[in-house]
mmCIF file of all heavy atoms, coordinates in Angstrom:
data_MODEL
# 
_entry.id   MODEL 
# 
loop_
_atom_site.group_PDB 
_atom_site.id 
_atom_site.type_symbol 
_atom_site.label_atom_id 
_atom_site.label_alt_id 
_atom_site.label_comp_id 
_atom_site.label_asym_id 
_atom_site.label_entity_id 
_atom_site.label_seq_id 
_atom_site.pdbx_PDB_ins_code 
_atom_site.Cartn_x 
_atom_site.Cartn_y 
_atom_site.Cartn_z 
_atom_site.occupancy 
_atom_site.B_iso_or_equiv 
_atom_site.pdbx_formal_charge 
_atom_site.auth_seq_id 
_atom_site.auth_comp_id 
_atom_site.auth_asym_id 
_atom_site.auth_atom_id 
_atom_site.pdbx_PDB_model_num 
ATOM 1   N N   . LYS A 1 1  ? -25.354 -1.062 18.129 1.00 0.00 ? 1  LYS A N   1 
ATOM 2   C CA  . LYS A 1 1  ? -25.006 -2.157 19.105 1.00 0.00 ? 1  LYS A CA  1 
ATOM 3   C C   . LYS A 1 1  ? -26.150 -3.143 19.234 1.00 0.00 ? 1  LYS A C   1 
ATOM 4   O O   . LYS A 1 1  ? -25.876 -4.376 19.202 1.00 0.00 ? 1  LYS A O   1 
ATOM 5   C CB  . LYS A 1 1  ? -24.658 -1.498 20.467 1.00 0.00 ? 1  LYS A CB  1 
ATOM 6   C CG  . LYS A 1 1  ? -24.484 -2.473 21.605 1.00 0.00 ? 1  LYS A CG  1 
ATOM 7   C CD  . LYS A 1 1  ? -24.197 -1.763 22.884 1.00 0.00 ? 1  LYS A CD  1 
ATOM 8   C CE  . LYS A 1 1  ? -24.005 -2.669 24.063 1.00 0.00 ? 1  LYS A CE  1 
ATOM 9   N NZ  . LYS A 1 1  ? -25.190 -3.549 24.374 1.00 0.00 ? 1  LYS A NZ  1 
ATOM 10  N N   . TYR A 1 2  ? -27.350 -2.675 19.420 1.00 0.00 ? 2  TYR A N   1 
ATOM 11  C CA  . TYR A 1 2  ? -28.494 -3.523 19.604 1.00 0.00 ? 2  TYR A CA  1 
ATOM 12  C C   . TYR A 1 2  ? -28.944 -4.260 18.316 1.00 0.00 ? 2  TYR A C   1 
ATOM 13  O O   . TYR A 1 2  ? -29.367 -5.387 18.293 1.00 0.00 ? 2  TYR A O   1 
ATOM 14  C CB  . TYR A 1 2  ? -29.673 -2.768 20.221 1.00 0.00 ? 2  TYR A CB  1 
ATOM 15  C CG  . TYR A 1 2  ? -29.429 -2.419 21.699 1.00 0.00 ? 2  TYR A CG  1 
ATOM 16  C CD1 . TYR A 1 2  ? -29.512 -1.107 22.138 1.00 0.00 ? 2  TYR A CD1 1 
ATOM 17  C CD2 . TYR A 1 2  ? -29.019 -3.419 22.622 1.00 0.00 ? 2  TYR A CD2 1 
ATOM 18  C CE1 . TYR A 1 2  ? -29.260 -0.823 23.496 1.00 0.00 ? 2  TYR A CE1 1 
ATOM 19  C CE2 . TYR A 1 2  ? -28.795 -3.129 23.930 1.00 0.00 ? 2  TYR A CE2 1 
ATOM 20  C CZ  . TYR A 1 2  ? -28.893 -1.853 24.332 1.00 0.00 ? 2  TYR A CZ  1 
ATOM 21  O OH  . TYR A 1 2  ? -28.635 -1.532 25.669 1.00 0.00 ? 2  TYR A OH  1 
ATOM 22  N N   . ILE A 1 3  ? -28.799 -3.552 17.198 1.00 0.00 ? 3  ILE A N   1 
ATOM 23  C CA  . ILE A 1 3  ? -29.155 -4.110 15.930 1.00 0.00 ? 3  ILE A CA  1 
ATOM 24  C C   . ILE A 1 3  ? -28.172 -5.269 15.609 1.00 0.00 ? 3  ILE A C   1 
ATOM 25  O O   . ILE A 1 3  ? -28.604 -6.332 15.138 1.00 0.00 ? 3  ILE A O   1 
ATOM 26  C CB  . ILE A 1 3  ? -29.061 -3.058 14.813 1.00 0.00 ? 3  ILE A CB  1 
ATOM 27  C CG1 . ILE A 1 3  ? -30.240 -2.070 14.988 1.00 0.00 ? 3  ILE A CG1 1 
ATOM 28  C CG2 . ILE A 1 3  ? -29.167 -3.699 13.390 1.00 0.00 ? 3  ILE A CG2 1 
ATOM 29  C CD1 . ILE A 1 3  ? -30.153 -0.817 14.122 1.00 0.00 ? 3  ILE A CD1 1 
ATOM 30  N N   . ASP A 1 4  ? -26.919 -5.070 15.914 1.00 0.00 ? 4  ASP A N   1 
ATOM 31  C CA  . ASP A 1 4  ? -25.920 -6.136 15.727 1.00 0.00 ? 4  ASP A CA  1 
ATOM 32  C C   . ASP A 1 4  ? -26.138 -7.309 16.614 1.00 0.00 ? 4  ASP A C   1 
ATOM 33  O O   . ASP A 1 4  ? -25.774 -8.417 16.318 1.00 0.00 ? 4  ASP A O   1 
ATOM 34  C CB  . ASP A 1 4  ? -24.489 -5.592 16.025 1.00 0.00 ? 4  ASP A CB  1 
ATOM 35  C CG  . ASP A 1 4  ? -24.033 -4.602 14.953 1.00 0.00 ? 4  ASP A CG  1 
ATOM 36  O OD1 . ASP A 1 4  ? -24.654 -4.563 13.862 1.00 0.00 ? 4  ASP A OD1 1 
ATOM 37  O OD2 . ASP A 1 4  ? -23.049 -3.883 15.188 1.00 0.00 ? 4  ASP A OD2 1 
ATOM 38  N N   . GLU A 1 5  ? -26.817 -7.037 17.806 1.00 0.00 ? 5  GLU A N   1 
ATOM 39  C CA  . GLU A 1 5  ? -27.165 -8.133 18.721 1.00 0.00 ? 5  GLU A CA  1 
ATOM 40  C C   . GLU A 1 5  ? -28.442 -8.901 18.334 1.00 0.00 ? 5  GLU A C   1 
ATOM 41  O O   . GLU A 1 5  ? -28.806 -9.856 19.012 1.00 0.00 ? 5  GLU A O   1 
ATOM 42  C CB  . GLU A 1 5  ? -27.243 -7.597 20.150 1.00 0.00 ? 5  GLU A CB  1 
ATOM 43  C CG  . GLU A 1 5  ? -25.949 -7.110 20.723 1.00 0.00 ? 5  GLU A CG  1 
ATOM 44  C CD  . GLU A 1 5  ? -26.060 -6.495 22.120 1.00 0.00 ? 5  GLU A CD  1 
ATOM 45  O OE1 . GLU A 1 5  ? -27.262 -6.394 22.553 1.00 0.00 ? 5  GLU A OE1 1 
ATOM 46  O OE2 . GLU A 1 5  ? -25.063 -6.077 22.650 1.00 0.00 ? 5  GLU A OE2 1 
ATOM 47  N N   . GLY A 1 6  ? -29.080 -8.427 17.238 1.00 0.00 ? 6  GLY A N   1 
ATOM 48  C CA  . GLY A 1 6  ? -30.189 -9.220 16.771 1.00 0.00 ? 6  GLY A CA  1 
ATOM 49  C C   . GLY A 1 6  ? -31.557 -8.478 16.950 1.00 0.00 ? 6  GLY A C   1 
ATOM 50  O O   . GLY A 1 6  ? -32.592 -9.075 16.559 1.00 0.00 ? 6  GLY A O   1 
ATOM 51  N N   . MET A 1 7  ? -31.595 -7.336 17.528 1.00 0.00 ? 7  MET A N   1 
ATOM 52  C CA  . MET A 1 7  ? -32.841 -6.524 17.732 1.00 0.00 ? 7  MET A CA  1 
ATOM 53  C C   . MET A 1 7  ? -33.301 -5.997 16.420 1.00 0.00 ? 7  MET A C   1 
ATOM 54  O O   . MET A 1 7  ? -32.473 -5.649 15.530 1.00 0.00 ? 7  MET A O   1 
ATOM 55  C CB  . MET A 1 7  ? -32.673 -5.460 18.716 1.00 0.00 ? 7  MET A CB  1 
ATOM 56  C CG  . MET A 1 7  ? -32.707 -5.806 20.185 1.00 0.00 ? 7  MET A CG  1 
ATOM 57  S SD  . MET A 1 7  ? -32.783 -4.324 21.223 1.00 0.00 ? 7  MET A SD  1 
ATOM 58  C CE  . MET A 1 7  ? -32.802 -5.067 22.790 1.00 0.00 ? 7  MET A CE  1 
ATOM 59  N N   . SER A 1 8  ? -34.590 -5.877 16.197 1.00 0.00 ? 8  SER A N   1 
ATOM 60  C CA  . SER A 1 8  ? -35.169 -5.093 15.122 1.00 0.00 ? 8  SER A CA  1 
ATOM 61  C C   . SER A 1 8  ? -34.877 -3.666 15.328 1.00 0.00 ? 8  SER A C   1 
ATOM 62  O O   . SER A 1 8  ? -34.556 -3.171 16.441 1.00 0.00 ? 8  SER A O   1 
ATOM 63  C CB  . SER A 1 8  ? -36.590 -5.352 14.957 1.00 0.00 ? 8  SER A CB  1 
ATOM 64  O OG  . SER A 1 8  ? -37.356 -4.712 16.081 1.00 0.00 ? 8  SER A OG  1 
ATOM 65  N N   . LYS A 1 9  ? -34.925 -2.853 14.259 1.00 0.00 ? 9  LYS A N   1 
ATOM 66  C CA  . LYS A 1 9  ? -34.618 -1.436 14.423 1.00 0.00 ? 9  LYS A CA  1 
ATOM 67  C C   . LYS A 1 9  ? -35.676 -0.787 15.359 1.00 0.00 ? 9  LYS A C   1 
ATOM 68  O O   . LYS A 1 9  ? -35.275 0.077  16.149 1.00 0.00 ? 9  LYS A O   1 
ATOM 69  C CB  . LYS A 1 9  ? -34.630 -0.750 13.032 1.00 0.00 ? 9  LYS A CB  1 
ATOM 70  C CG  . LYS A 1 9  ? -34.200 0.705  13.076 1.00 0.00 ? 9  LYS A CG  1 
ATOM 71  C CD  . LYS A 1 9  ? -34.134 1.346  11.783 1.00 0.00 ? 9  LYS A CD  1 
ATOM 72  C CE  . LYS A 1 9  ? -33.036 0.803  10.814 1.00 0.00 ? 9  LYS A CE  1 
ATOM 73  N NZ  . LYS A 1 9  ? -32.916 1.606  9.577  1.00 0.00 ? 9  LYS A NZ  1 
ATOM 74  N N   . LYS A 1 10 ? -36.918 -1.216 15.273 1.00 0.00 ? 10 LYS A N   1 
ATOM 75  C CA  . LYS A 1 10 ? -37.937 -0.678 16.114 1.00 0.00 ? 10 LYS A CA  1 
ATOM 76  C C   . LYS A 1 10 ? -37.614 -0.925 17.607 1.00 0.00 ? 10 LYS A C   1 
ATOM 77  O O   . LYS A 1 10 ? -37.735 -0.016 18.477 1.00 0.00 ? 10 LYS A O   1 
ATOM 78  C CB  . LYS A 1 10 ? -39.303 -1.284 15.764 1.00 0.00 ? 10 LYS A CB  1 
ATOM 79  C CG  . LYS A 1 10 ? -40.479 -0.730 16.537 1.00 0.00 ? 10 LYS A CG  1 
ATOM 80  C CD  . LYS A 1 10 ? -41.745 -1.304 16.031 1.00 0.00 ? 10 LYS A CD  1 
ATOM 81  C CE  . LYS A 1 10 ? -42.936 -0.790 16.878 1.00 0.00 ? 10 LYS A CE  1 
ATOM 82  N NZ  . LYS A 1 10 ? -44.240 -1.413 16.440 1.00 0.00 ? 10 LYS A NZ  1 
ATOM 83  N N   . GLU A 1 11 ? -37.247 -2.164 17.893 1.00 0.00 ? 11 GLU A N   1 
ATOM 84  C CA  . GLU A 1 11 ? -36.934 -2.546 19.284 1.00 0.00 ? 11 GLU A CA  1 
ATOM 85  C C   . GLU A 1 11 ? -35.674 -1.765 19.785 1.00 0.00 ? 11 GLU A C   1 
ATOM 86  O O   . GLU A 1 11 ? -35.601 -1.365 20.938 1.00 0.00 ? 11 GLU A O   1 
ATOM 87  C CB  . GLU A 1 11 ? -36.650 -4.032 19.361 1.00 0.00 ? 11 GLU A CB  1 
ATOM 88  C CG  . GLU A 1 11 ? -37.850 -4.926 19.161 1.00 0.00 ? 11 GLU A CG  1 
ATOM 89  C CD  . GLU A 1 11 ? -37.572 -6.386 19.141 1.00 0.00 ? 11 GLU A CD  1 
ATOM 90  O OE1 . GLU A 1 11 ? -36.474 -6.719 18.625 1.00 0.00 ? 11 GLU A OE1 1 
ATOM 91  O OE2 . GLU A 1 11 ? -38.397 -7.185 19.493 1.00 0.00 ? 11 GLU A OE2 1 
ATOM 92  N N   . ALA A 1 12 ? -34.715 -1.659 18.908 1.00 0.00 ? 12 ALA A N   1 
ATOM 93  C CA  . ALA A 1 12 ? -33.455 -0.961 19.259 1.00 0.00 ? 12 ALA A CA  1 
ATOM 94  C C   . ALA A 1 12 ? -33.769 0.491  19.601 1.00 0.00 ? 12 ALA A C   1 
ATOM 95  O O   . ALA A 1 12 ? -33.214 1.058  20.553 1.00 0.00 ? 12 ALA A O   1 
ATOM 96  C CB  . ALA A 1 12 ? -32.449 -1.064 18.162 1.00 0.00 ? 12 ALA A CB  1 
ATOM 97  N N   . ILE A 1 13 ? -34.619 1.126  18.804 1.00 0.00 ? 13 ILE A N   1 
ATOM 98  C CA  . ILE A 1 13 ? -34.938 2.565  19.022 1.00 0.00 ? 13 ILE A CA  1 
ATOM 99  C C   . ILE A 1 13 ? -35.627 2.714  20.392 1.00 0.00 ? 13 ILE A C   1 
ATOM 100 O O   . ILE A 1 13 ? -35.311 3.656  21.137 1.00 0.00 ? 13 ILE A O   1 
ATOM 101 C CB  . ILE A 1 13 ? -35.829 3.058  17.887 1.00 0.00 ? 13 ILE A CB  1 
ATOM 102 C CG1 . ILE A 1 13 ? -35.049 3.197  16.594 1.00 0.00 ? 13 ILE A CG1 1 
ATOM 103 C CG2 . ILE A 1 13 ? -36.507 4.422  18.241 1.00 0.00 ? 13 ILE A CG2 1 
ATOM 104 C CD1 . ILE A 1 13 ? -35.875 3.533  15.359 1.00 0.00 ? 13 ILE A CD1 1 
ATOM 105 N N   . LYS A 1 14 ? -36.550 1.835  20.644 1.00 0.00 ? 14 LYS A N   1 
ATOM 106 C CA  . LYS A 1 14 ? -37.286 1.813  21.934 1.00 0.00 ? 14 LYS A CA  1 
ATOM 107 C C   . LYS A 1 14 ? -36.321 1.727  23.130 1.00 0.00 ? 14 LYS A C   1 
ATOM 108 O O   . LYS A 1 14 ? -36.365 2.409  24.134 1.00 0.00 ? 14 LYS A O   1 
ATOM 109 C CB  . LYS A 1 14 ? -38.321 0.815  21.986 1.00 0.00 ? 14 LYS A CB  1 
ATOM 110 C CG  . LYS A 1 14 ? -39.185 0.780  23.187 1.00 0.00 ? 14 LYS A CG  1 
ATOM 111 C CD  . LYS A 1 14 ? -40.266 -0.295 23.116 1.00 0.00 ? 14 LYS A CD  1 
ATOM 112 C CE  . LYS A 1 14 ? -41.153 -0.333 24.393 1.00 0.00 ? 14 LYS A CE  1 
ATOM 113 N NZ  . LYS A 1 14 ? -42.199 -1.402 24.279 1.00 0.00 ? 14 LYS A NZ  1 
ATOM 114 N N   . MET A 1 15 ? -35.326 0.758  23.045 1.00 0.00 ? 15 MET A N   1 
ATOM 115 C CA  . MET A 1 15 ? -34.370 0.468  24.075 1.00 0.00 ? 15 MET A CA  1 
ATOM 116 C C   . MET A 1 15 ? -33.442 1.629  24.292 1.00 0.00 ? 15 MET A C   1 
ATOM 117 O O   . MET A 1 15 ? -33.170 2.025  25.449 1.00 0.00 ? 15 MET A O   1 
ATOM 118 C CB  . MET A 1 15 ? -33.565 -0.805 23.754 1.00 0.00 ? 15 MET A CB  1 
ATOM 119 C CG  . MET A 1 15 ? -32.540 -1.140 24.818 1.00 0.00 ? 15 MET A CG  1 
ATOM 120 S SD  . MET A 1 15 ? -33.286 -1.565 26.432 1.00 0.00 ? 15 MET A SD  1 
ATOM 121 C CE  . MET A 1 15 ? -33.978 -3.199 26.052 1.00 0.00 ? 15 MET A CE  1 
ATOM 122 N N   . VAL A 1 16 ? -32.924 2.197  23.234 1.00 0.00 ? 16 VAL A N   1 
ATOM 123 C CA  . VAL A 1 16 ? -32.012 3.261  23.356 1.00 0.00 ? 16 VAL A CA  1 
ATOM 124 C C   . VAL A 1 16 ? -32.683 4.509  23.953 1.00 0.00 ? 16 VAL A C   1 
ATOM 125 O O   . VAL A 1 16 ? -32.101 5.240  24.790 1.00 0.00 ? 16 VAL A O   1 
ATOM 126 C CB  . VAL A 1 16 ? -31.408 3.691  21.992 1.00 0.00 ? 16 VAL A CB  1 
ATOM 127 C CG1 . VAL A 1 16 ? -30.654 5.009  21.973 1.00 0.00 ? 16 VAL A CG1 1 
ATOM 128 C CG2 . VAL A 1 16 ? -30.501 2.538  21.437 1.00 0.00 ? 16 VAL A CG2 1 
ATOM 129 N N   . ALA A 1 17 ? -33.870 4.808  23.599 1.00 0.00 ? 17 ALA A N   1 
ATOM 130 C CA  . ALA A 1 17 ? -34.625 5.961  24.167 1.00 0.00 ? 17 ALA A CA  1 
ATOM 131 C C   . ALA A 1 17 ? -34.832 5.723  25.621 1.00 0.00 ? 17 ALA A C   1 
ATOM 132 O O   . ALA A 1 17 ? -34.655 6.655  26.459 1.00 0.00 ? 17 ALA A O   1 
ATOM 133 C CB  . ALA A 1 17 ? -35.956 6.106  23.469 1.00 0.00 ? 17 ALA A CB  1 
ATOM 134 N N   . LYS A 1 18 ? -35.168 4.517  26.022 1.00 0.00 ? 18 LYS A N   1 
ATOM 135 C CA  . LYS A 1 18 ? -35.352 4.207  27.460 1.00 0.00 ? 18 LYS A CA  1 
ATOM 136 C C   . LYS A 1 18 ? -34.103 4.390  28.225 1.00 0.00 ? 18 LYS A C   1 
ATOM 137 O O   . LYS A 1 18 ? -34.058 5.012  29.326 1.00 0.00 ? 18 LYS A O   1 
ATOM 138 C CB  . LYS A 1 18 ? -35.927 2.854  27.609 1.00 0.00 ? 18 LYS A CB  1 
ATOM 139 C CG  . LYS A 1 18 ? -36.119 2.413  29.061 1.00 0.00 ? 18 LYS A CG  1 
ATOM 140 C CD  . LYS A 1 18 ? -36.656 0.987  29.157 1.00 0.00 ? 18 LYS A CD  1 
ATOM 141 C CE  . LYS A 1 18 ? -36.890 0.599  30.610 1.00 0.00 ? 18 LYS A CE  1 
ATOM 142 N NZ  . LYS A 1 18 ? -37.319 -0.855 30.683 1.00 0.00 ? 18 LYS A NZ  1 
ATOM 143 N N   . GLU A 1 19 ? -32.997 3.805  27.690 1.00 0.00 ? 19 GLU A N   1 
ATOM 144 C CA  . GLU A 1 19 ? -31.643 3.894  28.454 1.00 0.00 ? 19 GLU A CA  1 
ATOM 145 C C   . GLU A 1 19 ? -31.131 5.270  28.508 1.00 0.00 ? 19 GLU A C   1 
ATOM 146 O O   . GLU A 1 19 ? -30.524 5.585  29.517 1.00 0.00 ? 19 GLU A O   1 
ATOM 147 C CB  . GLU A 1 19 ? -30.658 2.929  27.723 1.00 0.00 ? 19 GLU A CB  1 
ATOM 148 C CG  . GLU A 1 19 ? -31.040 1.479  27.950 1.00 0.00 ? 19 GLU A CG  1 
ATOM 149 C CD  . GLU A 1 19 ? -30.066 0.535  27.285 1.00 0.00 ? 19 GLU A CD  1 
ATOM 150 O OE1 . GLU A 1 19 ? -29.354 0.982  26.419 1.00 0.00 ? 19 GLU A OE1 1 
ATOM 151 O OE2 . GLU A 1 19 ? -30.033 -0.654 27.697 1.00 0.00 ? 19 GLU A OE2 1 
ATOM 152 N N   . ARG A 1 20 ? -31.388 6.115  27.530 1.00 0.00 ? 20 ARG A N   1 
ATOM 153 C CA  . ARG A 1 20 ? -30.852 7.500  27.593 1.00 0.00 ? 20 ARG A CA  1 
ATOM 154 C C   . ARG A 1 20 ? -31.772 8.475  28.190 1.00 0.00 ? 20 ARG A C   1 
ATOM 155 O O   . ARG A 1 20 ? -31.431 9.614  28.430 1.00 0.00 ? 20 ARG A O   1 
ATOM 156 C CB  . ARG A 1 20 ? -30.473 7.903  26.209 1.00 0.00 ? 20 ARG A CB  1 
ATOM 157 C CG  . ARG A 1 20 ? -29.262 7.151  25.578 1.00 0.00 ? 20 ARG A CG  1 
ATOM 158 C CD  . ARG A 1 20 ? -28.885 7.670  24.168 1.00 0.00 ? 20 ARG A CD  1 
ATOM 159 N NE  . ARG A 1 20 ? -27.658 7.075  23.720 1.00 0.00 ? 20 ARG A NE  1 
ATOM 160 C CZ  . ARG A 1 20 ? -26.478 7.685  23.669 1.00 0.00 ? 20 ARG A CZ  1 
ATOM 161 N NH1 . ARG A 1 20 ? -26.412 8.970  24.059 1.00 0.00 ? 20 ARG A NH1 1 
ATOM 162 N NH2 . ARG A 1 20 ? -25.376 7.068  23.211 1.00 0.00 ? 20 ARG A NH2 1 
ATOM 163 N N   . GLY A 1 21 ? -33.039 8.106  28.316 1.00 0.00 ? 21 GLY A N   1 
ATOM 164 C CA  . GLY A 1 21 ? -34.026 9.000  28.922 1.00 0.00 ? 21 GLY A CA  1 
ATOM 165 C C   . GLY A 1 21 ? -34.421 10.152 27.993 1.00 0.00 ? 21 GLY A C   1 
ATOM 166 O O   . GLY A 1 21 ? -34.591 11.288 28.429 1.00 0.00 ? 21 GLY A O   1 
ATOM 167 N N   . ILE A 1 22 ? -34.481 9.776  26.673 1.00 0.00 ? 22 ILE A N   1 
ATOM 168 C CA  . ILE A 1 22 ? -34.840 10.765 25.703 1.00 0.00 ? 22 ILE A CA  1 
ATOM 169 C C   . ILE A 1 22 ? -36.026 10.339 24.836 1.00 0.00 ? 22 ILE A C   1 
ATOM 170 O O   . ILE A 1 22 ? -36.345 9.150  24.849 1.00 0.00 ? 22 ILE A O   1 
ATOM 171 C CB  . ILE A 1 22 ? -33.596 11.085 24.731 1.00 0.00 ? 22 ILE A CB  1 
ATOM 172 C CG1 . ILE A 1 22 ? -33.209 9.812  23.961 1.00 0.00 ? 22 ILE A CG1 1 
ATOM 173 C CG2 . ILE A 1 22 ? -32.435 11.686 25.520 1.00 0.00 ? 22 ILE A CG2 1 
ATOM 174 C CD1 . ILE A 1 22 ? -32.085 9.994  23.003 1.00 0.00 ? 22 ILE A CD1 1 
ATOM 175 N N   . PRO A 1 23 ? -36.705 11.261 24.144 1.00 0.00 ? 23 PRO A N   1 
ATOM 176 C CA  . PRO A 1 23 ? -37.885 10.847 23.396 1.00 0.00 ? 23 PRO A CA  1 
ATOM 177 C C   . PRO A 1 23 ? -37.524 9.849  22.267 1.00 0.00 ? 23 PRO A C   1 
ATOM 178 O O   . PRO A 1 23 ? -36.452 9.990  21.688 1.00 0.00 ? 23 PRO A O   1 
ATOM 179 C CB  . PRO A 1 23 ? -38.366 12.199 22.846 1.00 0.00 ? 23 PRO A CB  1 
ATOM 180 C CG  . PRO A 1 23 ? -37.831 13.258 23.701 1.00 0.00 ? 23 PRO A CG  1 
ATOM 181 C CD  . PRO A 1 23 ? -36.575 12.731 24.150 1.00 0.00 ? 23 PRO A CD  1 
ATOM 182 N N   . LYS A 1 24 ? -38.439 8.969  21.952 1.00 0.00 ? 24 LYS A N   1 
ATOM 183 C CA  . LYS A 1 24 ? -38.181 7.987  20.925 1.00 0.00 ? 24 LYS A CA  1 
ATOM 184 C C   . LYS A 1 24 ? -37.971 8.597  19.495 1.00 0.00 ? 24 LYS A C   1 
ATOM 185 O O   . LYS A 1 24 ? -37.178 8.148  18.700 1.00 0.00 ? 24 LYS A O   1 
ATOM 186 C CB  . LYS A 1 24 ? -39.338 6.988  20.863 1.00 0.00 ? 24 LYS A CB  1 
ATOM 187 C CG  . LYS A 1 24 ? -39.265 5.870  21.937 1.00 0.00 ? 24 LYS A CG  1 
ATOM 188 C CD  . LYS A 1 24 ? -40.261 4.726  21.655 1.00 0.00 ? 24 LYS A CD  1 
ATOM 189 C CE  . LYS A 1 24 ? -41.681 5.192  21.727 1.00 0.00 ? 24 LYS A CE  1 
ATOM 190 N NZ  . LYS A 1 24 ? -42.565 3.998  21.544 1.00 0.00 ? 24 LYS A NZ  1 
ATOM 191 N N   . GLN A 1 25 ? -38.711 9.757  19.337 1.00 0.00 ? 25 GLN A N   1 
ATOM 192 C CA  . GLN A 1 25 ? -38.583 10.386 17.964 1.00 0.00 ? 25 GLN A CA  1 
ATOM 193 C C   . GLN A 1 25 ? -37.135 10.912 17.742 1.00 0.00 ? 25 GLN A C   1 
ATOM 194 O O   . GLN A 1 25 ? -36.701 10.951 16.610 1.00 0.00 ? 25 GLN A O   1 
ATOM 195 C CB  . GLN A 1 25 ? -39.611 11.513 17.789 1.00 0.00 ? 25 GLN A CB  1 
ATOM 196 C CG  . GLN A 1 25 ? -39.598 12.569 18.885 1.00 0.00 ? 25 GLN A CG  1 
ATOM 197 C CD  . GLN A 1 25 ? -40.626 12.334 19.968 1.00 0.00 ? 25 GLN A CD  1 
ATOM 198 O OE1 . GLN A 1 25 ? -40.829 11.147 20.349 1.00 0.00 ? 25 GLN A OE1 1 
ATOM 199 N NE2 . GLN A 1 25 ? -41.200 13.341 20.489 1.00 0.00 ? 25 GLN A NE2 1 
ATOM 200 N N   . ASP A 1 26 ? -36.432 11.295 18.900 1.00 0.00 ? 26 ASP A N   1 
ATOM 201 C CA  . ASP A 1 26 ? -35.116 11.754 18.710 1.00 0.00 ? 26 ASP A CA  1 
ATOM 202 C C   . ASP A 1 26 ? -34.180 10.628 18.185 1.00 0.00 ? 26 ASP A C   1 
ATOM 203 O O   . ASP A 1 26 ? -33.258 10.831 17.406 1.00 0.00 ? 26 ASP A O   1 
ATOM 204 C CB  . ASP A 1 26 ? -34.561 12.353 20.017 1.00 0.00 ? 26 ASP A CB  1 
ATOM 205 C CG  . ASP A 1 26 ? -35.267 13.626 20.422 1.00 0.00 ? 26 ASP A CG  1 
ATOM 206 O OD1 . ASP A 1 26 ? -36.013 14.186 19.579 1.00 0.00 ? 26 ASP A OD1 1 
ATOM 207 O OD2 . ASP A 1 26 ? -35.028 14.135 21.515 1.00 0.00 ? 26 ASP A OD2 1 
# 
């Protein structure tokens, strides 16, 4: 979803981890 919106993969991973409350490595 975030990659399609123009985020880099690194930024998308950081955002998803924050929103789900899970570790970034997951």
